[in-house]
Amino acid sequence: MSGSSRDHIPDVRDGLTHVERVVLHVLRETQRELGGRNVPTAMLYARVLEHVDQSQQELQVCLKRLSTLPG
């Protein structure tokens, strides 16, 4: 697991980790830039790396978890 331990500890407010928040923020901003289109995973990964240190596999696990959250 890359990054600091705080990056992977769920927040008590909603259960999201720091990394998940970063991924969601970057995804939203990139979607806006692309006019609402889907964001290619490679593009998302490159932009997420500007904020947190994680492997491609860790991003895939994060995206899978986020896709199963209610809401």
PDB file of N, CA and C in Angstrom:
ATOM      1  N   MET A   1       0.843  -1.169   0.000  1.00  0.00           N
ATOM      2  CA  MET A   1       0.000   0.000   0.000  1.00  0.00           C
ATOM      3  C   MET A   1       0.890   1.234   0.000  1.00  0.00           C
ATOM      4  N   SER A   2       0.655   2.125  -0.947  1.00  0.00           N
ATOM      5  CA  SER A   2       1.465   3.327  -1.071  1.00  0.00           C
ATOM      6  C   SER A   2       0.911   4.442  -0.196  1.00  0.00           C
ATOM      7  N   GLY A   3       1.670   5.509  -0.056  1.00  0.00           N
ATOM      8  CA  GLY A   3       1.235   6.682   0.675  1.00  0.00           C
ATOM      9  C   GLY A   3       1.283   6.474   2.177  1.00  0.00           C
ATOM     10  N   SER A   4       0.754   7.468   2.898  1.00  0.00           N
ATOM     11  CA  SER A   4       0.750   7.384   4.359  1.00  0.00           C
ATOM     12  C   SER A   4      -0.456   6.578   4.828  1.00  0.00           C
ATOM     13  N   SER A   5      -0.404   6.153   6.071  1.00  0.00           N
ATOM     14  CA  SER A   5      -1.504   5.347   6.600  1.00  0.00           C
ATOM     15  C   SER A   5      -2.800   6.148   6.667  1.00  0.00           C
ATOM     16  N   ARG A   6      -2.735   7.451   6.854  1.00  0.00           N
ATOM     17  CA  ARG A   6      -3.954   8.261   6.930  1.00  0.00           C
ATOM     18  C   ARG A   6      -4.707   8.274   5.607  1.00  0.00           C
ATOM     19  N   ASP A   7      -4.011   8.012   4.509  1.00  0.00           N
ATOM     20  CA  ASP A   7      -4.650   7.997   3.201  1.00  0.00           C
ATOM     21  C   ASP A   7      -5.661   6.875   3.065  1.00  0.00           C
ATOM     22  N   HIS A   8      -5.557   5.863   3.926  1.00  0.00           N
ATOM     23  CA  HIS A   8      -6.381   4.666   3.778  1.00  0.00           C
ATOM     24  C   HIS A   8      -7.295   4.406   4.969  1.00  0.00           C
ATOM     25  N   ILE A   9      -7.399   5.370   5.880  1.00  0.00           N
ATOM     26  CA  ILE A   9      -8.278   5.236   7.038  1.00  0.00           C
ATOM     27  C   ILE A   9      -9.606   5.914   6.707  1.00  0.00           C
ATOM     28  N   PRO A  10     -10.714   5.171   6.787  1.00  0.00           N
ATOM     29  CA  PRO A  10     -12.019   5.767   6.482  1.00  0.00           C
ATOM     30  C   PRO A  10     -12.392   6.879   7.460  1.00  0.00           C
ATOM     31  N   ASP A  11     -12.990   7.927   6.935  1.00  0.00           N
ATOM     32  CA  ASP A  11     -13.476   9.038   7.743  1.00  0.00           C
ATOM     33  C   ASP A  11     -14.783   8.607   8.405  1.00  0.00           C
ATOM     34  N   VAL A  12     -14.981   8.996   9.659  1.00  0.00           N
ATOM     35  CA  VAL A  12     -16.190   8.584  10.370  1.00  0.00           C
ATOM     36  C   VAL A  12     -17.451   9.216   9.806  1.00  0.00           C
ATOM     37  N   ARG A  13     -17.332  10.339   9.107  1.00  0.00           N
ATOM     38  CA  ARG A  13     -18.516  11.020   8.588  1.00  0.00           C
ATOM     39  C   ARG A  13     -19.221  10.222   7.499  1.00  0.00           C
ATOM     40  N   ASP A  14     -18.427   9.639   6.579  1.00  0.00           N
ATOM     41  CA  ASP A  14     -19.062   8.958   5.448  1.00  0.00           C
ATOM     42  C   ASP A  14     -18.347   7.683   5.007  1.00  0.00           C
ATOM     43  N   GLY A  15     -17.260   7.340   5.686  1.00  0.00           N
ATOM     44  CA  GLY A  15     -16.547   6.106   5.369  1.00  0.00           C
ATOM     45  C   GLY A  15     -15.565   6.212   4.225  1.00  0.00           C
ATOM     46  N   LEU A  16     -15.434   7.393   3.614  1.00  0.00           N
ATOM     47  CA  LEU A  16     -14.476   7.569   2.518  1.00  0.00           C
ATOM     48  C   LEU A  16     -13.077   7.815   3.075  1.00  0.00           C
ATOM     49  N   THR A  17     -12.096   7.299   2.373  1.00  0.00           N
ATOM     50  CA  THR A  17     -10.709   7.552   2.745  1.00  0.00           C
ATOM     51  C   THR A  17     -10.232   8.819   2.045  1.00  0.00           C
ATOM     52  N   HIS A  18      -9.078   9.304   2.456  1.00  0.00           N
ATOM     53  CA  HIS A  18      -8.481  10.475   1.809  1.00  0.00           C
ATOM     54  C   HIS A  18      -8.273  10.210   0.315  1.00  0.00           C
ATOM     55  N   VAL A  19      -7.758   9.045  -0.004  1.00  0.00           N
ATOM     56  CA  VAL A  19      -7.503   8.693  -1.408  1.00  0.00           C
ATOM     57  C   VAL A  19      -8.809   8.679  -2.201  1.00  0.00           C
ATOM     58  N   GLU A  20      -9.859   8.103  -1.634  1.00  0.00           N
ATOM     59  CA  GLU A  20     -11.147   8.062  -2.337  1.00  0.00           C
ATOM     60  C   GLU A  20     -11.684   9.467  -2.590  1.00  0.00           C
ATOM     61  N   ARG A  21     -11.511  10.349  -1.606  1.00  0.00           N
ATOM     62  CA  ARG A  21     -11.936  11.742  -1.801  1.00  0.00           C
ATOM     63  C   ARG A  21     -11.163  12.402  -2.943  1.00  0.00           C
ATOM     64  N   VAL A  22      -9.858  12.159  -2.985  1.00  0.00           N
ATOM     65  CA  VAL A  22      -9.036  12.718  -4.054  1.00  0.00           C
ATOM     66  C   VAL A  22      -9.506  12.186  -5.404  1.00  0.00           C
ATOM     67  N   VAL A  23      -9.722  10.882  -5.495  1.00  0.00           N
ATOM     68  CA  VAL A  23     -10.159  10.275  -6.753  1.00  0.00           C
ATOM     69  C   VAL A  23     -11.489  10.887  -7.198  1.00  0.00           C
ATOM     70  N   LEU A  24     -12.448  11.005  -6.290  1.00  0.00           N
ATOM     71  CA  LEU A  24     -13.742  11.582  -6.651  1.00  0.00           C
ATOM     72  C   LEU A  24     -13.622  13.043  -7.098  1.00  0.00           C
ATOM     73  N   HIS A  25     -12.792  13.796  -6.396  1.00  0.00           N
ATOM     74  CA  HIS A  25     -12.592  15.208  -6.758  1.00  0.00           C
ATOM     75  C   HIS A  25     -11.955  15.328  -8.149  1.00  0.00           C
ATOM     76  N   VAL A  26     -10.900  14.572  -8.375  1.00  0.00           N
ATOM     77  CA  VAL A  26     -10.206  14.624  -9.663  1.00  0.00           C
ATOM     78  C   VAL A  26     -11.129  14.137 -10.777  1.00  0.00           C
ATOM     79  N   LEU A  27     -11.893  13.097 -10.516  1.00  0.00           N
ATOM     80  CA  LEU A  27     -12.839  12.585 -11.508  1.00  0.00           C
ATOM     81  C   LEU A  27     -13.868  13.642 -11.876  1.00  0.00           C
ATOM     82  N   ARG A  28     -14.435  14.307 -10.887  1.00  0.00           N
ATOM     83  CA  ARG A  28     -15.438  15.350 -11.140  1.00  0.00           C
ATOM     84  C   ARG A  28     -14.849  16.507 -11.956  1.00  0.00           C
ATOM     85  N   GLU A  29     -13.669  16.973 -11.553  1.00  0.00           N
ATOM     86  CA  GLU A  29     -13.041  18.084 -12.266  1.00  0.00           C
ATOM     87  C   GLU A  29     -12.696  17.699 -13.709  1.00  0.00           C
ATOM     88  N   THR A  30     -12.204  16.495 -13.907  1.00  0.00           N
ATOM     89  CA  THR A  30     -11.834  16.052 -15.247  1.00  0.00           C
ATOM     90  C   THR A  30     -13.072  15.881 -16.120  1.00  0.00           C
ATOM     91  N   GLN A  31     -14.154  15.349 -15.551  1.00  0.00           N
ATOM     92  CA  GLN A  31     -15.404  15.235 -16.300  1.00  0.00           C
ATOM     93  C   GLN A  31     -15.891  16.607 -16.746  1.00  0.00           C
ATOM     94  N   ARG A  32     -15.773  17.588 -15.889  1.00  0.00           N
ATOM     95  CA  ARG A  32     -16.171  18.958 -16.267  1.00  0.00           C
ATOM     96  C   ARG A  32     -15.334  19.456 -17.442  1.00  0.00           C
ATOM     97  N   GLU A  33     -14.032  19.227 -17.374  1.00  0.00           N
ATOM     98  CA  GLU A  33     -13.141  19.649 -18.458  1.00  0.00           C
ATOM     99  C   GLU A  33     -13.494  18.964 -19.777  1.00  0.00           C
ATOM    100  N   LEU A  34     -13.956  17.725 -19.691  1.00  0.00           N
ATOM    101  CA  LEU A  34     -14.277  16.952 -20.895  1.00  0.00           C
ATOM    102  C   LEU A  34     -15.735  17.119 -21.314  1.00  0.00           C
ATOM    103  N   GLY A  35     -16.418  18.078 -20.742  1.00  0.00           N
ATOM    104  CA  GLY A  35     -17.800  18.336 -21.127  1.00  0.00           C
ATOM    105  C   GLY A  35     -18.766  17.242 -20.706  1.00  0.00           C
ATOM    106  N   GLY A  36     -18.478  16.580 -19.599  1.00  0.00           N
ATOM    107  CA  GLY A  36     -19.367  15.559 -19.083  1.00  0.00           C
ATOM    108  C   GLY A  36     -19.096  14.158 -19.610  1.00  0.00           C
ATOM    109  N   ARG A  37     -18.148  14.031 -20.505  1.00  0.00           N
ATOM    110  CA  ARG A  37     -17.832  12.703 -21.063  1.00  0.00           C
ATOM    111  C   ARG A  37     -17.146  11.835 -20.024  1.00  0.00           C
ATOM    112  N   ASN A  38     -17.106  10.533 -20.312  1.00  0.00           N
ATOM    113  CA  ASN A  38     -16.385   9.590 -19.455  1.00  0.00           C
ATOM    114  C   ASN A  38     -14.899   9.919 -19.450  1.00  0.00           C
ATOM    115  N   VAL A  39     -14.272   9.684 -18.318  1.00  0.00           N
ATOM    116  CA  VAL A  39     -12.843   9.958 -18.159  1.00  0.00           C
ATOM    117  C   VAL A  39     -12.073   8.653 -18.341  1.00  0.00           C
ATOM    118  N   PRO A  40     -11.144   8.611 -19.288  1.00  0.00           N
ATOM    119  CA  PRO A  40     -10.326   7.410 -19.431  1.00  0.00           C
ATOM    120  C   PRO A  40      -9.533   7.143 -18.149  1.00  0.00           C
ATOM    121  N   THR A  41      -9.435   5.880 -17.775  1.00  0.00           N
ATOM    122  CA  THR A  41      -8.753   5.509 -16.537  1.00  0.00           C
ATOM    123  C   THR A  41      -7.306   5.988 -16.520  1.00  0.00           C
ATOM    124  N   ALA A  42      -6.631   5.907 -17.667  1.00  0.00           N
ATOM    125  CA  ALA A  42      -5.233   6.348 -17.725  1.00  0.00           C
ATOM    126  C   ALA A  42      -5.120   7.839 -17.417  1.00  0.00           C
ATOM    127  N   MET A  43      -6.051   8.629 -17.922  1.00  0.00           N
ATOM    128  CA  MET A  43      -6.050  10.068 -17.654  1.00  0.00           C
ATOM    129  C   MET A  43      -6.327  10.329 -16.172  1.00  0.00           C
ATOM    130  N   LEU A  44      -7.296   9.615 -15.631  1.00  0.00           N
ATOM    131  CA  LEU A  44      -7.619   9.766 -14.217  1.00  0.00           C
ATOM    132  C   LEU A  44      -6.416   9.401 -13.359  1.00  0.00           C
ATOM    133  N   TYR A  45      -5.775   8.292 -13.672  1.00  0.00           N
ATOM    134  CA  TYR A  45      -4.615   7.840 -12.901  1.00  0.00           C
ATOM    135  C   TYR A  45      -3.509   8.894 -12.911  1.00  0.00           C
ATOM    136  N   ALA A  46      -3.217   9.437 -14.079  1.00  0.00           N
ATOM    137  CA  ALA A  46      -2.158  10.449 -14.183  1.00  0.00           C
ATOM    138  C   ALA A  46      -2.476  11.665 -13.319  1.00  0.00           C
ATOM    139  N   ARG A  47      -3.720  12.068 -13.311  1.00  0.00           N
ATOM    140  CA  ARG A  47      -4.100  13.246 -12.533  1.00  0.00           C
ATOM    141  C   ARG A  47      -4.157  12.957 -11.035  1.00  0.00           C
ATOM    142  N   VAL A  48      -4.586  11.760 -10.667  1.00  0.00           N
ATOM    143  CA  VAL A  48      -4.618  11.384  -9.253  1.00  0.00           C
ATOM    144  C   VAL A  48      -3.202  11.347  -8.693  1.00  0.00           C
ATOM    145  N   LEU A  49      -2.243  10.894  -9.499  1.00  0.00           N
ATOM    146  CA  LEU A  49      -0.852  10.826  -9.051  1.00  0.00           C
ATOM    147  C   LEU A  49      -0.279  12.192  -8.683  1.00  0.00           C
ATOM    148  N   GLU A  50      -0.867  13.248  -9.194  1.00  0.00           N
ATOM    149  CA  GLU A  50      -0.422  14.593  -8.831  1.00  0.00           C
ATOM    150  C   GLU A  50      -0.753  14.909  -7.373  1.00  0.00           C
ATOM    151  N   HIS A  51      -1.681  14.129  -6.787  1.00  0.00           N
ATOM    152  CA  HIS A  51      -2.138  14.398  -5.423  1.00  0.00           C
ATOM    153  C   HIS A  51      -1.751  13.328  -4.414  1.00  0.00           C
ATOM    154  N   VAL A  52      -1.774  12.066  -4.835  1.00  0.00           N
ATOM    155  CA  VAL A  52      -1.446  10.957  -3.928  1.00  0.00           C
ATOM    156  C   VAL A  52      -0.590   9.934  -4.667  1.00  0.00           C
ATOM    157  N   ASP A  53       0.226   9.227  -3.888  1.00  0.00           N
ATOM    158  CA  ASP A  53       1.087   8.190  -4.453  1.00  0.00           C
ATOM    159  C   ASP A  53       0.371   6.853  -4.341  1.00  0.00           C
ATOM    160  N   GLN A  54      -0.021   6.291  -5.490  1.00  0.00           N
ATOM    161  CA  GLN A  54      -0.647   4.981  -5.473  1.00  0.00           C
ATOM    162  C   GLN A  54      -0.392   4.276  -6.798  1.00  0.00           C
ATOM    163  N   SER A  55      -0.452   2.963  -6.747  1.00  0.00           N
ATOM    164  CA  SER A  55      -0.220   2.173  -7.957  1.00  0.00           C
ATOM    165  C   SER A  55      -1.490   2.131  -8.802  1.00  0.00           C
ATOM    166  N   GLN A  56      -1.331   1.671 -10.027  1.00  0.00           N
ATOM    167  CA  GLN A  56      -2.490   1.500 -10.908  1.00  0.00           C
ATOM    168  C   GLN A  56      -3.471   0.509 -10.298  1.00  0.00           C
ATOM    169  N   GLN A  57      -2.936  -0.545  -9.717  1.00  0.00           N
ATOM    170  CA  GLN A  57      -3.785  -1.559  -9.100  1.00  0.00           C
ATOM    171  C   GLN A  57      -4.573  -0.969  -7.932  1.00  0.00           C
ATOM    172  N   GLU A  58      -3.933  -0.134  -7.144  1.00  0.00           N
ATOM    173  CA  GLU A  58      -4.630   0.500  -6.019  1.00  0.00           C
ATOM    174  C   GLU A  58      -5.754   1.406  -6.521  1.00  0.00           C
ATOM    175  N   LEU A  59      -5.517   2.098  -7.630  1.00  0.00           N
ATOM    176  CA  LEU A  59      -6.575   2.930  -8.200  1.00  0.00           C
ATOM    177  C   LEU A  59      -7.740   2.055  -8.650  1.00  0.00           C
ATOM    178  N   GLN A  60      -7.456   0.933  -9.278  1.00  0.00           N
ATOM    179  CA  GLN A  60      -8.517   0.028  -9.728  1.00  0.00           C
ATOM    180  C   GLN A  60      -9.345  -0.469  -8.540  1.00  0.00           C
ATOM    181  N   VAL A  61      -8.679  -0.823  -7.451  1.00  0.00           N
ATOM    182  CA  VAL A  61      -9.383  -1.271  -6.249  1.00  0.00           C
ATOM    183  C   VAL A  61     -10.254  -0.138  -5.703  1.00  0.00           C
ATOM    184  N   CYS A  62      -9.714   1.055  -5.682  1.00  0.00           N
ATOM    185  CA  CYS A  62     -10.450   2.226  -5.208  1.00  0.00           C
ATOM    186  C   CYS A  62     -11.681   2.478  -6.076  1.00  0.00           C
ATOM    187  N   LEU A  63     -11.521   2.436  -7.387  1.00  0.00           N
ATOM    188  CA  LEU A  63     -12.647   2.663  -8.296  1.00  0.00           C
ATOM    189  C   LEU A  63     -13.712   1.587  -8.129  1.00  0.00           C
ATOM    190  N   LYS A  64     -13.280   0.354  -7.927  1.00  0.00           N
ATOM    191  CA  LYS A  64     -14.238  -0.738  -7.726  1.00  0.00           C
ATOM    192  C   LYS A  64     -15.040  -0.498  -6.453  1.00  0.00           C
ATOM    193  N   ARG A  65     -14.349  -0.105  -5.379  1.00  0.00           N
ATOM    194  CA  ARG A  65     -15.051   0.167  -4.121  1.00  0.00           C
ATOM    195  C   ARG A  65     -16.024   1.333  -4.277  1.00  0.00           C
ATOM    196  N   LEU A  66     -15.590   2.395  -4.929  1.00  0.00           N
ATOM    197  CA  LEU A  66     -16.459   3.553  -5.114  1.00  0.00           C
ATOM    198  C   LEU A  66     -17.686   3.211  -5.958  1.00  0.00           C
ATOM    199  N   SER A  67     -17.536   2.305  -6.896  1.00  0.00           N
ATOM    200  CA  SER A  67     -18.655   1.945  -7.765  1.00  0.00           C
ATOM    201  C   SER A  67     -19.704   1.117  -7.032  1.00  0.00           C
ATOM    202  N   THR A  68     -19.354   0.566  -5.877  1.00  0.00           N
ATOM    203  CA  THR A  68     -20.310  -0.253  -5.128  1.00  0.00           C
ATOM    204  C   THR A  68     -20.957   0.487  -3.962  1.00  0.00           C
ATOM    205  N   LEU A  69     -20.552   1.730  -3.737  1.00  0.00           N
ATOM    206  CA  LEU A  69     -21.125   2.498  -2.634  1.00  0.00           C
ATOM    207  C   LEU A  69     -22.537   2.941  -2.986  1.00  0.00           C
ATOM    208  N   PRO A  70     -23.439   2.961  -2.016  1.00  0.00           N
ATOM    209  CA  PRO A  70     -24.789   3.457  -2.287  1.00  0.00           C
ATOM    210  C   PRO A  70     -24.768   4.963  -2.531  1.00  0.00           C
ATOM    211  N   GLY A  71     -25.696   5.408  -3.292  1.00  0.00           N
ATOM    212  CA  GLY A  71     -25.772   6.843  -3.457  1.00  0.00           C
ATOM    213  C   GLY A  71     -25.986   7.265  -4.810  1.00  0.00           C
TER     214      GLY A  71
END
